[in-house]
């Protein structure tokens, strides 16, 4: 186990918990999910919360200059996110919106790619913490994170965002000509984040 993952793990969690768990607290649990099965609004809201958590994660990473803090936050964020919960939530949504499965799968696939990009970003930040320096491409990477965030959350429900797609499917499902272009844009940005996060 690498030094930063062993010696600083507890400190990482202590720093992260107050930040990561704002707004999600006990929602990310299988027990909570069972209470919402059969309720489309609550299930969609829980999934939208996950997207908002990713948005908040990227927002903080963008504005952190201290490489140790950035890595600790990233490590803690990953630790406190339950991938099994996401899978269960997606399956429950598919069962409830069985006539919109193709629409949902596009959202789920993009969100999976975003979660994977966080793992790539975590590796990048781990290297930065070990060397105590951000690689030259950090500015490019940060710009991509900013671009991604503009497509994750919107203050206007009539504007495209991944959050709005899952929160208001009835408003978007018949607008594939609009949302598919935006999903492709997200996918392109996420791919760039992964590529920029890989060691040179």
C-alpha atoms as a PDB file:
ATOM      1  CA  UNK A   1       0.000   0.000   0.000  1.00  0.00           C
ATOM      2  CA  UNK A   2       1.376   3.387  -0.960  1.00  0.00           C
ATOM      3  CA  UNK A   3       2.329   5.866   1.741  1.00  0.00           C
ATOM      4  CA  UNK A   4      -0.392   8.370   0.978  1.00  0.00           C
ATOM      5  CA  UNK A   5      -3.071   5.707   0.984  1.00  0.00           C
ATOM      6  CA  UNK A   6      -2.018   4.186   4.284  1.00  0.00           C
ATOM      7  CA  UNK A   7      -0.576   6.866   6.532  1.00  0.00           C
ATOM      8  CA  UNK A   8      -3.055   9.575   5.584  1.00  0.00           C
ATOM      9  CA  UNK A   9      -6.210   7.537   5.133  1.00  0.00           C
ATOM     10  CA  UNK A  10      -7.772   8.457   8.473  1.00  0.00           C
ATOM     11  CA  UNK A  11      -6.884  12.114   8.001  1.00  0.00           C
ATOM     12  CA  UNK A  12      -8.392  11.913   4.535  1.00  0.00           C
ATOM     13  CA  UNK A  13     -11.710  10.703   5.865  1.00  0.00           C
ATOM     14  CA  UNK A  14     -11.730  13.312   8.641  1.00  0.00           C
ATOM     15  CA  UNK A  15     -11.282  16.069   6.088  1.00  0.00           C
ATOM     16  CA  UNK A  16     -13.719  14.673   3.580  1.00  0.00           C
ATOM     17  CA  UNK A  17     -16.746  13.661   5.625  1.00  0.00           C
ATOM     18  CA  UNK A  18     -18.026  17.171   6.383  1.00  0.00           C
ATOM     19  CA  UNK A  19     -17.727  18.083   2.697  1.00  0.00           C
ATOM     20  CA  UNK A  20     -18.821  14.980   0.858  1.00  0.00           C
ATOM     21  CA  UNK A  21     -21.808  14.131   2.965  1.00  0.00           C
ATOM     22  CA  UNK A  22     -23.487  17.526   2.684  1.00  0.00           C
ATOM     23  CA  UNK A  23     -26.874  16.898   1.136  1.00  0.00           C
ATOM     24  CA  UNK A  24     -26.521  13.127   0.837  1.00  0.00           C
ATOM     25  CA  UNK A  25     -25.940  11.919   4.443  1.00  0.00           C
ATOM     26  CA  UNK A  26     -27.901   8.692   4.832  1.00  0.00           C
ATOM     27  CA  UNK A  27     -29.380   8.588   1.344  1.00  0.00           C
ATOM     28  CA  UNK A  28     -26.637   6.399  -0.095  1.00  0.00           C
ATOM     29  CA  UNK A  29     -27.690   3.178   1.542  1.00  0.00           C
ATOM     30  CA  UNK A  30     -29.492   0.057   0.411  1.00  0.00           C
ATOM     31  CA  UNK A  31     -31.882   0.385   3.355  1.00  0.00           C
ATOM     32  CA  UNK A  32     -32.958   3.845   2.237  1.00  0.00           C
ATOM     33  CA  UNK A  33     -33.489   2.558  -1.290  1.00  0.00           C
ATOM     34  CA  UNK A  34     -36.024  -0.039  -0.159  1.00  0.00           C
ATOM     35  CA  UNK A  35     -38.190   2.766   1.229  1.00  0.00           C
ATOM     36  CA  UNK A  36     -38.419   4.394  -2.182  1.00  0.00           C
ATOM     37  CA  UNK A  37     -39.096   1.447  -4.470  1.00  0.00           C
ATOM     38  CA  UNK A  38     -42.362   2.223  -6.199  1.00  0.00           C
ATOM     39  CA  UNK A  39     -41.917   5.978  -5.897  1.00  0.00           C
ATOM     40  CA  UNK A  40     -40.598   7.396  -9.152  1.00  0.00           C
ATOM     41  CA  UNK A  41     -40.039  10.867  -7.779  1.00  0.00           C
ATOM     42  CA  UNK A  42     -37.906   9.737  -4.847  1.00  0.00           C
ATOM     43  CA  UNK A  43     -35.852   7.332  -6.946  1.00  0.00           C
ATOM     44  CA  UNK A  44     -35.177   9.997  -9.563  1.00  0.00           C
ATOM     45  CA  UNK A  45     -34.357  12.479  -6.809  1.00  0.00           C
ATOM     46  CA  UNK A  46     -31.853  10.086  -5.223  1.00  0.00           C
ATOM     47  CA  UNK A  47     -30.134   9.511  -8.561  1.00  0.00           C
ATOM     48  CA  UNK A  48     -30.093  13.250  -9.241  1.00  0.00           C
ATOM     49  CA  UNK A  49     -28.461  13.720  -5.824  1.00  0.00           C
ATOM     50  CA  UNK A  50     -25.592  11.493  -6.982  1.00  0.00           C
ATOM     51  CA  UNK A  51     -25.096  13.702 -10.032  1.00  0.00           C
ATOM     52  CA  UNK A  52     -25.121  16.775  -7.796  1.00  0.00           C
ATOM     53  CA  UNK A  53     -22.530  15.144  -5.523  1.00  0.00           C
ATOM     54  CA  UNK A  54     -20.259  14.661  -8.547  1.00  0.00           C
ATOM     55  CA  UNK A  55     -20.790  18.311  -9.476  1.00  0.00           C
ATOM     56  CA  UNK A  56     -19.840  19.426  -5.960  1.00  0.00           C
ATOM     57  CA  UNK A  57     -16.783  17.156  -6.037  1.00  0.00           C
ATOM     58  CA  UNK A  58     -15.502  18.660  -9.285  1.00  0.00           C
ATOM     59  CA  UNK A  59     -16.248  22.191  -8.043  1.00  0.00           C
ATOM     60  CA  UNK A  60     -14.078  21.687  -4.989  1.00  0.00           C
ATOM     61  CA  UNK A  61     -11.244  19.992  -6.884  1.00  0.00           C
ATOM     62  CA  UNK A  62     -11.171  22.855  -9.385  1.00  0.00           C
ATOM     63  CA  UNK A  63     -10.608  25.370  -6.609  1.00  0.00           C
ATOM     64  CA  UNK A  64      -8.126  23.470  -4.434  1.00  0.00           C
ATOM     65  CA  UNK A  65      -4.491  24.485  -4.956  1.00  0.00           C
ATOM     66  CA  UNK A  66      -2.971  22.345  -2.200  1.00  0.00           C
ATOM     67  CA  UNK A  67      -2.190  18.955  -3.758  1.00  0.00           C
ATOM     68  CA  UNK A  68      -2.472  17.082  -0.465  1.00  0.00           C
ATOM     69  CA  UNK A  69      -5.924  18.483   0.251  1.00  0.00           C
ATOM     70  CA  UNK A  70      -7.065  17.707  -3.278  1.00  0.00           C
ATOM     71  CA  UNK A  71      -5.922  14.095  -3.006  1.00  0.00           C
ATOM     72  CA  UNK A  72      -7.405  13.599   0.476  1.00  0.00           C
ATOM     73  CA  UNK A  73     -10.722  14.981  -0.710  1.00  0.00           C
ATOM     74  CA  UNK A  74     -10.696  12.774  -3.796  1.00  0.00           C
ATOM     75  CA  UNK A  75      -9.787   9.665  -1.811  1.00  0.00           C
ATOM     76  CA  UNK A  76     -12.504  10.351   0.744  1.00  0.00           C
ATOM     77  CA  UNK A  77     -15.111  11.045  -1.927  1.00  0.00           C
ATOM     78  CA  UNK A  78     -14.461   7.695  -3.589  1.00  0.00           C
ATOM     79  CA  UNK A  79     -14.489   5.886  -0.232  1.00  0.00           C
ATOM     80  CA  UNK A  80     -17.887   7.300   0.738  1.00  0.00           C
ATOM     81  CA  UNK A  81     -19.598   6.533  -2.579  1.00  0.00           C
ATOM     82  CA  UNK A  82     -21.263   3.145  -2.831  1.00  0.00           C
ATOM     83  CA  UNK A  83     -21.180   1.790  -6.387  1.00  0.00           C
ATOM     84  CA  UNK A  84     -23.514  -1.069  -5.443  1.00  0.00           C
ATOM     85  CA  UNK A  85     -26.069   1.516  -4.379  1.00  0.00           C
ATOM     86  CA  UNK A  86     -25.880   3.143  -7.816  1.00  0.00           C
ATOM     87  CA  UNK A  87     -26.442  -0.209  -9.515  1.00  0.00           C
ATOM     88  CA  UNK A  88     -29.463  -0.985  -7.321  1.00  0.00           C
ATOM     89  CA  UNK A  89     -30.872   2.482  -7.880  1.00  0.00           C
ATOM     90  CA  UNK A  90     -30.505   2.174 -11.649  1.00  0.00           C
ATOM     91  CA  UNK A  91     -32.205  -1.218 -11.661  1.00  0.00           C
ATOM     92  CA  UNK A  92     -35.111   0.110  -9.590  1.00  0.00           C
ATOM     93  CA  UNK A  93     -35.518   3.042 -11.990  1.00  0.00           C
ATOM     94  CA  UNK A  94     -35.483   0.703 -14.990  1.00  0.00           C
ATOM     95  CA  UNK A  95     -38.252  -1.367 -13.420  1.00  0.00           C
ATOM     96  CA  UNK A  96     -40.413   1.685 -12.779  1.00  0.00           C
ATOM     97  CA  UNK A  97     -39.741   3.409 -16.096  1.00  0.00           C
ATOM     98  CA  UNK A  98     -39.764   0.210 -18.150  1.00  0.00           C
ATOM     99  CA  UNK A  99     -41.116   2.083 -21.174  1.00  0.00           C
ATOM    100  CA  UNK A 100     -38.147   4.467 -21.059  1.00  0.00           C
ATOM    101  CA  UNK A 101     -35.305   1.997 -20.595  1.00  0.00           C
ATOM    102  CA  UNK A 102     -33.328   3.152 -23.645  1.00  0.00           C
ATOM    103  CA  UNK A 103     -33.510   6.759 -22.428  1.00  0.00           C
ATOM    104  CA  UNK A 104     -32.392   5.809 -18.927  1.00  0.00           C
ATOM    105  CA  UNK A 105     -29.548   3.627 -20.160  1.00  0.00           C
ATOM    106  CA  UNK A 106     -28.002   6.608 -21.937  1.00  0.00           C
ATOM    107  CA  UNK A 107     -28.010   8.560 -18.680  1.00  0.00           C
ATOM    108  CA  UNK A 108     -26.690   5.620 -16.658  1.00  0.00           C
ATOM    109  CA  UNK A 109     -23.868   4.948 -19.123  1.00  0.00           C
ATOM    110  CA  UNK A 110     -22.728   8.569 -19.058  1.00  0.00           C
ATOM    111  CA  UNK A 111     -22.868   8.657 -15.261  1.00  0.00           C
ATOM    112  CA  UNK A 112     -20.802   5.462 -15.108  1.00  0.00           C
ATOM    113  CA  UNK A 113     -18.173   7.077 -17.331  1.00  0.00           C
ATOM    114  CA  UNK A 114     -18.136  10.118 -15.050  1.00  0.00           C
ATOM    115  CA  UNK A 115     -17.599   7.908 -11.988  1.00  0.00           C
ATOM    116  CA  UNK A 116     -14.733   6.182 -13.797  1.00  0.00           C
ATOM    117  CA  UNK A 117     -13.195   9.546 -14.650  1.00  0.00           C
ATOM    118  CA  UNK A 118     -13.136  10.331 -10.920  1.00  0.00           C
ATOM    119  CA  UNK A 119     -10.972   7.236 -10.386  1.00  0.00           C
ATOM    120  CA  UNK A 120      -8.590   8.431 -13.108  1.00  0.00           C
ATOM    121  CA  UNK A 121      -8.520  11.882 -11.543  1.00  0.00           C
ATOM    122  CA  UNK A 122      -7.801  10.328  -8.152  1.00  0.00           C
ATOM    123  CA  UNK A 123      -4.740   8.569  -9.606  1.00  0.00           C
ATOM    124  CA  UNK A 124      -3.561  11.881 -11.044  1.00  0.00           C
ATOM    125  CA  UNK A 125      -3.983  13.616  -7.681  1.00  0.00           C
ATOM    126  CA  UNK A 126      -2.191  10.779  -5.903  1.00  0.00           C
ATOM    127  CA  UNK A 127       0.838  11.287  -8.141  1.00  0.00           C
ATOM    128  CA  UNK A 128       0.647  15.018  -7.466  1.00  0.00           C
ATOM    129  CA  UNK A 129       0.589  14.396  -3.710  1.00  0.00           C
ATOM    130  CA  UNK A 130       3.579  12.066  -3.928  1.00  0.00           C
ATOM    131  CA  UNK A 131       5.661  14.517  -5.974  1.00  0.00           C
ATOM    132  CA  UNK A 132       4.187  17.624  -4.310  1.00  0.00           C
ATOM    133  CA  UNK A 133       3.585  19.180  -7.704  1.00  0.00           C
ATOM    134  CA  UNK A 134       0.809  19.355 -10.272  1.00  0.00           C
ATOM    135  CA  UNK A 135       1.765  18.254 -13.758  1.00  0.00           C
ATOM    136  CA  UNK A 136       1.832  20.853 -16.514  1.00  0.00           C
ATOM    137  CA  UNK A 137      -1.437  19.572 -17.962  1.00  0.00           C
ATOM    138  CA  UNK A 138      -3.324  20.431 -14.753  1.00  0.00           C
ATOM    139  CA  UNK A 139      -4.632  23.663 -16.316  1.00  0.00           C
ATOM    140  CA  UNK A 140      -6.060  21.683 -19.231  1.00  0.00           C
ATOM    141  CA  UNK A 141      -7.545  19.128 -16.873  1.00  0.00           C
ATOM    142  CA  UNK A 142      -9.131  21.789 -14.693  1.00  0.00           C
ATOM    143  CA  UNK A 143     -10.675  23.457 -17.757  1.00  0.00           C
ATOM    144  CA  UNK A 144     -12.254  20.142 -18.748  1.00  0.00           C
ATOM    145  CA  UNK A 145     -13.688  19.720 -15.247  1.00  0.00           C
ATOM    146  CA  UNK A 146     -15.227  23.188 -15.523  1.00  0.00           C
ATOM    147  CA  UNK A 147     -16.699  22.304 -18.924  1.00  0.00           C
ATOM    148  CA  UNK A 148     -18.154  19.093 -17.524  1.00  0.00           C
ATOM    149  CA  UNK A 149     -19.769  20.869 -14.596  1.00  0.00           C
ATOM    150  CA  UNK A 150     -21.690  23.222 -16.897  1.00  0.00           C
ATOM    151  CA  UNK A 151     -23.425  20.134 -18.321  1.00  0.00           C
ATOM    152  CA  UNK A 152     -24.106  18.361 -15.026  1.00  0.00           C
ATOM    153  CA  UNK A 153     -26.233  20.971 -13.251  1.00  0.00           C
ATOM    154  CA  UNK A 154     -28.452  23.809 -14.489  1.00  0.00           C
ATOM    155  CA  UNK A 155     -30.474  26.284 -12.447  1.00  0.00           C
ATOM    156  CA  UNK A 156     -33.192  26.245 -15.098  1.00  0.00           C
ATOM    157  CA  UNK A 157     -35.107  22.978 -15.563  1.00  0.00           C
ATOM    158  CA  UNK A 158     -35.744  23.907 -19.200  1.00  0.00           C
ATOM    159  CA  UNK A 159     -32.006  23.950 -19.927  1.00  0.00           C
ATOM    160  CA  UNK A 160     -30.055  20.781 -20.591  1.00  0.00           C
ATOM    161  CA  UNK A 161     -28.180  19.145 -17.755  1.00  0.00           C
ATOM    162  CA  UNK A 162     -27.647  15.543 -16.752  1.00  0.00           C
ATOM    163  CA  UNK A 163     -29.432  16.414 -13.508  1.00  0.00           C
ATOM    164  CA  UNK A 164     -32.504  17.613 -15.422  1.00  0.00           C
ATOM    165  CA  UNK A 165     -32.569  14.540 -17.659  1.00  0.00           C
ATOM    166  CA  UNK A 166     -33.125  12.244 -14.699  1.00  0.00           C
ATOM    167  CA  UNK A 167     -35.219  14.704 -12.664  1.00  0.00           C
ATOM    168  CA  UNK A 168     -37.647  15.674 -15.437  1.00  0.00           C
ATOM    169  CA  UNK A 169     -37.717  12.794 -17.946  1.00  0.00           C
ATOM    170  CA  UNK A 170     -41.187  13.782 -19.135  1.00  0.00           C
ATOM    171  CA  UNK A 171     -39.721  17.102 -20.348  1.00  0.00           C
ATOM    172  CA  UNK A 172     -36.760  15.577 -22.156  1.00  0.00           C
ATOM    173  CA  UNK A 173     -37.524  12.113 -23.453  1.00  0.00           C
ATOM    174  CA  UNK A 174     -38.967  13.459 -26.717  1.00  0.00           C
ATOM    175  CA  UNK A 175     -36.080  15.881 -27.274  1.00  0.00           C
ATOM    176  CA  UNK A 176     -33.443  13.381 -28.339  1.00  0.00           C
ATOM    177  CA  UNK A 177     -32.159  15.735 -31.020  1.00  0.00           C
ATOM    178  CA  UNK A 178     -31.134  18.106 -28.221  1.00  0.00           C
ATOM    179  CA  UNK A 179     -30.056  15.862 -25.369  1.00  0.00           C
ATOM    180  CA  UNK A 180     -28.119  13.355 -27.490  1.00  0.00           C
ATOM    181  CA  UNK A 181     -25.811  16.085 -28.767  1.00  0.00           C
ATOM    182  CA  UNK A 182     -25.183  17.189 -25.178  1.00  0.00           C
ATOM    183  CA  UNK A 183     -24.602  13.628 -23.983  1.00  0.00           C
ATOM    184  CA  UNK A 184     -22.042  13.195 -26.745  1.00  0.00           C
ATOM    185  CA  UNK A 185     -20.381  16.396 -25.560  1.00  0.00           C
ATOM    186  CA  UNK A 186     -20.229  15.074 -21.988  1.00  0.00           C
ATOM    187  CA  UNK A 187     -18.766  11.816 -23.248  1.00  0.00           C
ATOM    188  CA  UNK A 188     -16.077  13.676 -25.177  1.00  0.00           C
ATOM    189  CA  UNK A 189     -15.152  15.768 -22.125  1.00  0.00           C
ATOM    190  CA  UNK A 190     -15.032  12.715 -19.858  1.00  0.00           C
ATOM    191  CA  UNK A 191     -12.757  10.930 -22.334  1.00  0.00           C
ATOM    192  CA  UNK A 192     -10.434  13.950 -22.318  1.00  0.00           C
ATOM    193  CA  UNK A 193     -10.386  13.983 -18.495  1.00  0.00           C
ATOM    194  CA  UNK A 194      -9.333  10.333 -18.466  1.00  0.00           C
ATOM    195  CA  UNK A 195      -6.621  10.927 -21.051  1.00  0.00           C
ATOM    196  CA  UNK A 196      -5.245  13.974 -19.246  1.00  0.00           C
ATOM    197  CA  UNK A 197      -5.221  12.068 -15.951  1.00  0.00           C
ATOM    198  CA  UNK A 198      -2.973   9.293 -17.266  1.00  0.00           C
ATOM    199  CA  UNK A 199       0.699   9.512 -16.293  1.00  0.00           C
ATOM    200  CA  UNK A 200       2.986  10.878 -18.991  1.00  0.00           C
END
